[in-house]
């Protein structure tokens, strides 16, 4: 009896979640395009951008180069994308 009511509750919760996401995040067909401009202050470690390159069977901006630190790869671009650099 408890398992049935719990399962029914989960079903309603799942339905309510889907409806809520559908209201707040509507599916939109508008596209946003941006130009990727590498930052040249890193010298030899600067990123290189090749526009309209073949990437996995489609056209895309190919980003190569960057600064390697251990197992990490960093790219630097000239515009702020809405986040701030950490201050220590």
N, C-alpha and C. Protein backbone atom coordinates (compact mmCIF):
# COMPACT_ATOMS: atom_id res chain seq x y z
N UNK A 1 0.82 -1.19 0.00
CA UNK A 1 0.00 0.00 0.00
C UNK A 1 0.87 1.26 0.00
N UNK A 2 1.91 1.26 0.85
CA UNK A 2 2.79 2.42 0.92
C UNK A 2 3.55 2.57 -0.39
N UNK A 3 3.99 1.45 -0.99
CA UNK A 3 4.73 1.52 -2.25
C UNK A 3 3.88 2.08 -3.37
N UNK A 4 2.59 1.74 -3.41
CA UNK A 4 1.70 2.25 -4.45
C UNK A 4 1.52 3.76 -4.31
N UNK A 5 1.29 4.23 -3.11
CA UNK A 5 1.09 5.67 -2.93
C UNK A 5 2.39 6.44 -3.21
N UNK A 6 3.52 5.86 -2.84
CA UNK A 6 4.80 6.50 -3.12
C UNK A 6 5.05 6.56 -4.63
N UNK A 7 4.74 5.49 -5.34
CA UNK A 7 4.90 5.48 -6.79
C UNK A 7 3.98 6.48 -7.47
N UNK A 8 2.76 6.61 -6.97
CA UNK A 8 1.81 7.57 -7.52
C UNK A 8 2.32 9.00 -7.27
N UNK A 9 2.85 9.24 -6.07
CA UNK A 9 3.40 10.55 -5.73
C UNK A 9 4.56 10.90 -6.66
N UNK A 10 5.45 9.94 -6.91
CA UNK A 10 6.59 10.18 -7.81
C UNK A 10 6.12 10.48 -9.23
N UNK A 11 5.07 9.80 -9.66
CA UNK A 11 4.52 10.04 -10.99
C UNK A 11 3.99 11.46 -11.12
N UNK A 12 3.26 11.92 -10.11
CA UNK A 12 2.73 13.29 -10.12
C UNK A 12 3.87 14.31 -10.03
N UNK A 13 4.87 14.00 -9.25
CA UNK A 13 6.02 14.90 -9.11
C UNK A 13 6.76 15.02 -10.44
N UNK A 14 6.91 13.90 -11.14
CA UNK A 14 7.57 13.91 -12.44
C UNK A 14 6.77 14.75 -13.44
N UNK A 15 5.46 14.58 -13.46
CA UNK A 15 4.60 15.34 -14.36
C UNK A 15 4.68 16.84 -14.05
N UNK A 16 4.61 17.18 -12.77
CA UNK A 16 4.67 18.59 -12.37
C UNK A 16 6.02 19.20 -12.74
N UNK A 17 7.09 18.44 -12.60
CA UNK A 17 8.42 18.94 -12.96
C UNK A 17 8.52 19.22 -14.45
N UNK A 18 8.01 18.31 -15.26
CA UNK A 18 8.05 18.49 -16.71
C UNK A 18 7.22 19.70 -17.14
N UNK A 19 6.05 19.87 -16.55
CA UNK A 19 5.21 21.02 -16.89
C UNK A 19 5.87 22.33 -16.45
N UNK A 20 6.49 22.33 -15.30
CA UNK A 20 7.17 23.53 -14.81
C UNK A 20 8.32 23.91 -15.72
N UNK A 21 9.12 22.94 -16.13
CA UNK A 21 10.23 23.22 -17.05
C UNK A 21 9.72 23.72 -18.39
N UNK A 22 8.61 23.18 -18.84
CA UNK A 22 8.02 23.61 -20.11
C UNK A 22 7.54 25.05 -20.07
N UNK A 23 7.11 25.50 -18.90
CA UNK A 23 6.63 26.88 -18.76
C UNK A 23 7.80 27.85 -18.64
N UNK A 24 8.79 27.51 -17.85
CA UNK A 24 9.90 28.43 -17.61
C UNK A 24 10.98 28.37 -18.68
N UNK A 25 11.12 27.27 -19.38
CA UNK A 25 12.13 27.13 -20.42
C UNK A 25 11.46 26.70 -21.72
N UNK A 26 10.74 27.62 -22.36
CA UNK A 26 10.04 27.23 -23.60
C UNK A 26 11.04 26.93 -24.71
N UNK A 27 10.63 26.07 -25.59
CA UNK A 27 11.48 25.72 -26.72
C UNK A 27 11.41 26.86 -27.73
N UNK A 28 12.55 27.40 -28.07
CA UNK A 28 12.62 28.56 -28.93
C UNK A 28 13.49 28.23 -30.13
N UNK A 29 13.09 28.71 -31.30
CA UNK A 29 13.84 28.41 -32.52
C UNK A 29 14.82 29.52 -32.88
N UNK A 30 14.93 30.56 -32.06
CA UNK A 30 15.85 31.65 -32.34
C UNK A 30 17.28 31.19 -32.08
N UNK A 31 18.19 31.64 -32.93
CA UNK A 31 19.59 31.29 -32.78
C UNK A 31 20.39 32.54 -32.41
N UNK A 32 21.45 32.32 -31.69
CA UNK A 32 22.36 33.40 -31.33
C UNK A 32 23.73 33.04 -31.89
N UNK A 33 24.32 33.96 -32.62
CA UNK A 33 25.63 33.73 -33.20
C UNK A 33 26.65 34.64 -32.52
N UNK A 34 27.84 34.14 -32.33
CA UNK A 34 28.91 34.92 -31.70
C UNK A 34 30.21 34.68 -32.45
N UNK A 35 31.08 35.66 -32.41
CA UNK A 35 32.39 35.53 -33.03
C UNK A 35 33.43 35.29 -31.94
N UNK A 36 34.22 34.26 -32.11
CA UNK A 36 35.25 33.92 -31.13
C UNK A 36 36.55 34.61 -31.55
N UNK A 37 37.04 35.51 -30.70
CA UNK A 37 38.26 36.26 -30.98
C UNK A 37 39.30 35.92 -29.92
N UNK A 38 40.39 35.25 -30.30
CA UNK A 38 41.39 34.87 -29.30
C UNK A 38 42.13 36.07 -28.74
N UNK A 39 42.56 35.94 -27.51
CA UNK A 39 43.36 36.94 -26.82
C UNK A 39 44.83 36.66 -27.16
N UNK A 40 45.54 37.65 -27.65
CA UNK A 40 46.92 37.43 -28.10
C UNK A 40 47.95 37.74 -27.02
N UNK A 41 47.54 37.98 -25.79
CA UNK A 41 48.49 38.34 -24.73
C UNK A 41 49.27 37.14 -24.20
N UNK A 42 48.92 35.92 -24.60
CA UNK A 42 49.61 34.74 -24.10
C UNK A 42 50.80 34.33 -24.97
N UNK A 43 51.10 35.11 -26.00
CA UNK A 43 52.25 34.81 -26.85
C UNK A 43 52.12 33.47 -27.55
N UNK A 44 53.12 32.60 -27.37
CA UNK A 44 53.13 31.29 -28.04
C UNK A 44 52.02 30.38 -27.54
N UNK A 45 51.46 30.68 -26.36
CA UNK A 45 50.38 29.85 -25.80
C UNK A 45 49.00 30.36 -26.16
N UNK A 46 48.92 31.35 -27.06
CA UNK A 46 47.62 31.89 -27.46
C UNK A 46 46.81 30.84 -28.21
N UNK A 47 45.50 30.96 -28.13
CA UNK A 47 44.61 30.07 -28.86
C UNK A 47 44.56 30.50 -30.32
N UNK A 48 44.38 29.52 -31.20
CA UNK A 48 44.22 29.79 -32.63
C UNK A 48 42.82 29.34 -33.03
N UNK A 49 42.07 30.23 -33.68
CA UNK A 49 40.70 29.93 -34.10
C UNK A 49 40.66 29.84 -35.61
N UNK A 50 40.16 28.71 -36.13
CA UNK A 50 39.96 28.51 -37.56
C UNK A 50 38.46 28.46 -37.81
N UNK A 51 37.88 29.52 -38.40
CA UNK A 51 36.44 29.51 -38.65
C UNK A 51 36.07 28.56 -39.79
N UNK A 52 34.88 28.03 -39.72
CA UNK A 52 34.32 27.14 -40.76
C UNK A 52 35.21 25.96 -41.09
N UNK A 53 35.76 25.31 -40.08
CA UNK A 53 36.58 24.11 -40.26
C UNK A 53 35.69 22.88 -40.10
N UNK A 54 36.11 21.77 -40.69
CA UNK A 54 35.38 20.51 -40.54
C UNK A 54 35.67 19.93 -39.16
N UNK A 55 34.66 19.83 -38.33
CA UNK A 55 34.79 19.26 -36.99
C UNK A 55 33.71 18.20 -36.82
N UNK A 56 34.12 16.95 -36.70
CA UNK A 56 33.19 15.83 -36.53
C UNK A 56 32.09 15.81 -37.59
N UNK A 57 32.47 16.07 -38.82
CA UNK A 57 31.54 15.97 -39.93
C UNK A 57 30.69 17.21 -40.18
N UNK A 58 30.93 18.29 -39.48
CA UNK A 58 30.16 19.52 -39.68
C UNK A 58 31.07 20.73 -39.62
N UNK A 59 30.53 21.88 -40.04
CA UNK A 59 31.30 23.11 -39.99
C UNK A 59 31.20 23.73 -38.61
N UNK A 60 32.34 24.16 -38.08
CA UNK A 60 32.39 24.79 -36.76
C UNK A 60 33.67 25.60 -36.66
N UNK A 61 33.78 26.39 -35.61
CA UNK A 61 35.02 27.10 -35.32
C UNK A 61 35.95 26.14 -34.59
N UNK A 62 37.11 25.88 -35.18
CA UNK A 62 38.10 24.99 -34.57
C UNK A 62 39.03 25.81 -33.70
N UNK A 63 39.11 25.47 -32.41
CA UNK A 63 39.96 26.18 -31.46
C UNK A 63 41.13 25.28 -31.11
N UNK A 64 42.34 25.74 -31.42
CA UNK A 64 43.55 24.97 -31.14
C UNK A 64 44.51 25.81 -30.32
N UNK A 65 45.57 25.19 -29.85
CA UNK A 65 46.57 25.89 -29.06
C UNK A 65 46.11 26.01 -27.62
N UNK A 66 46.46 27.12 -26.98
CA UNK A 66 46.10 27.32 -25.59
C UNK A 66 47.27 27.03 -24.67
N UNK A 67 47.08 27.32 -23.42
CA UNK A 67 48.12 27.13 -22.40
C UNK A 67 47.87 25.84 -21.65
N UNK A 68 48.85 24.95 -21.66
CA UNK A 68 48.74 23.69 -20.92
C UNK A 68 49.42 23.82 -19.57
N UNK A 69 48.71 23.41 -18.53
CA UNK A 69 49.24 23.36 -17.17
C UNK A 69 48.90 22.00 -16.60
N UNK A 70 49.87 21.08 -16.64
CA UNK A 70 49.59 19.72 -16.20
C UNK A 70 48.62 19.06 -17.16
N UNK A 71 47.52 18.53 -16.64
CA UNK A 71 46.50 17.89 -17.47
C UNK A 71 45.43 18.87 -17.92
N UNK A 72 45.59 20.16 -17.62
CA UNK A 72 44.57 21.17 -17.93
C UNK A 72 44.97 21.98 -19.16
N UNK A 73 43.96 22.39 -19.93
CA UNK A 73 44.17 23.21 -21.11
C UNK A 73 43.33 24.48 -20.96
N UNK A 74 43.97 25.64 -21.11
CA UNK A 74 43.29 26.92 -20.95
C UNK A 74 43.29 27.69 -22.26
N UNK A 75 42.17 28.34 -22.56
CA UNK A 75 42.04 29.22 -23.72
C UNK A 75 41.68 30.60 -23.20
N UNK A 76 42.16 31.64 -23.87
CA UNK A 76 41.86 33.00 -23.47
C UNK A 76 41.27 33.75 -24.66
N UNK A 77 40.15 34.44 -24.43
CA UNK A 77 39.47 35.19 -25.48
C UNK A 77 39.32 36.64 -25.04
N UNK A 78 39.07 37.54 -26.00
CA UNK A 78 39.09 38.97 -25.71
C UNK A 78 37.84 39.50 -25.03
N UNK A 79 36.75 38.78 -25.01
CA UNK A 79 35.51 39.26 -24.41
C UNK A 79 35.19 38.48 -23.14
N UNK A 80 34.50 39.15 -22.23
CA UNK A 80 34.03 38.50 -21.01
C UNK A 80 32.70 37.82 -21.31
N UNK A 81 32.57 36.56 -20.98
CA UNK A 81 31.36 35.80 -21.26
C UNK A 81 30.40 35.77 -20.08
N UNK A 82 30.51 36.71 -19.16
CA UNK A 82 29.57 36.78 -18.06
C UNK A 82 30.09 36.21 -16.75
N UNK A 83 31.36 35.84 -16.69
CA UNK A 83 31.92 35.35 -15.44
C UNK A 83 33.18 36.14 -15.13
N UNK A 84 33.52 36.19 -13.86
CA UNK A 84 34.67 36.96 -13.42
C UNK A 84 35.84 36.04 -13.11
N UNK A 85 37.03 36.54 -13.34
CA UNK A 85 38.24 35.78 -12.98
C UNK A 85 38.35 35.75 -11.45
N UNK A 86 38.78 34.63 -10.90
CA UNK A 86 38.90 34.56 -9.43
C UNK A 86 39.99 35.49 -8.93
N UNK A 87 39.76 36.07 -7.77
CA UNK A 87 40.78 36.93 -7.16
C UNK A 87 41.27 36.23 -5.90
N UNK A 88 42.58 36.13 -5.78
CA UNK A 88 43.17 35.41 -4.65
C UNK A 88 43.82 36.37 -3.69
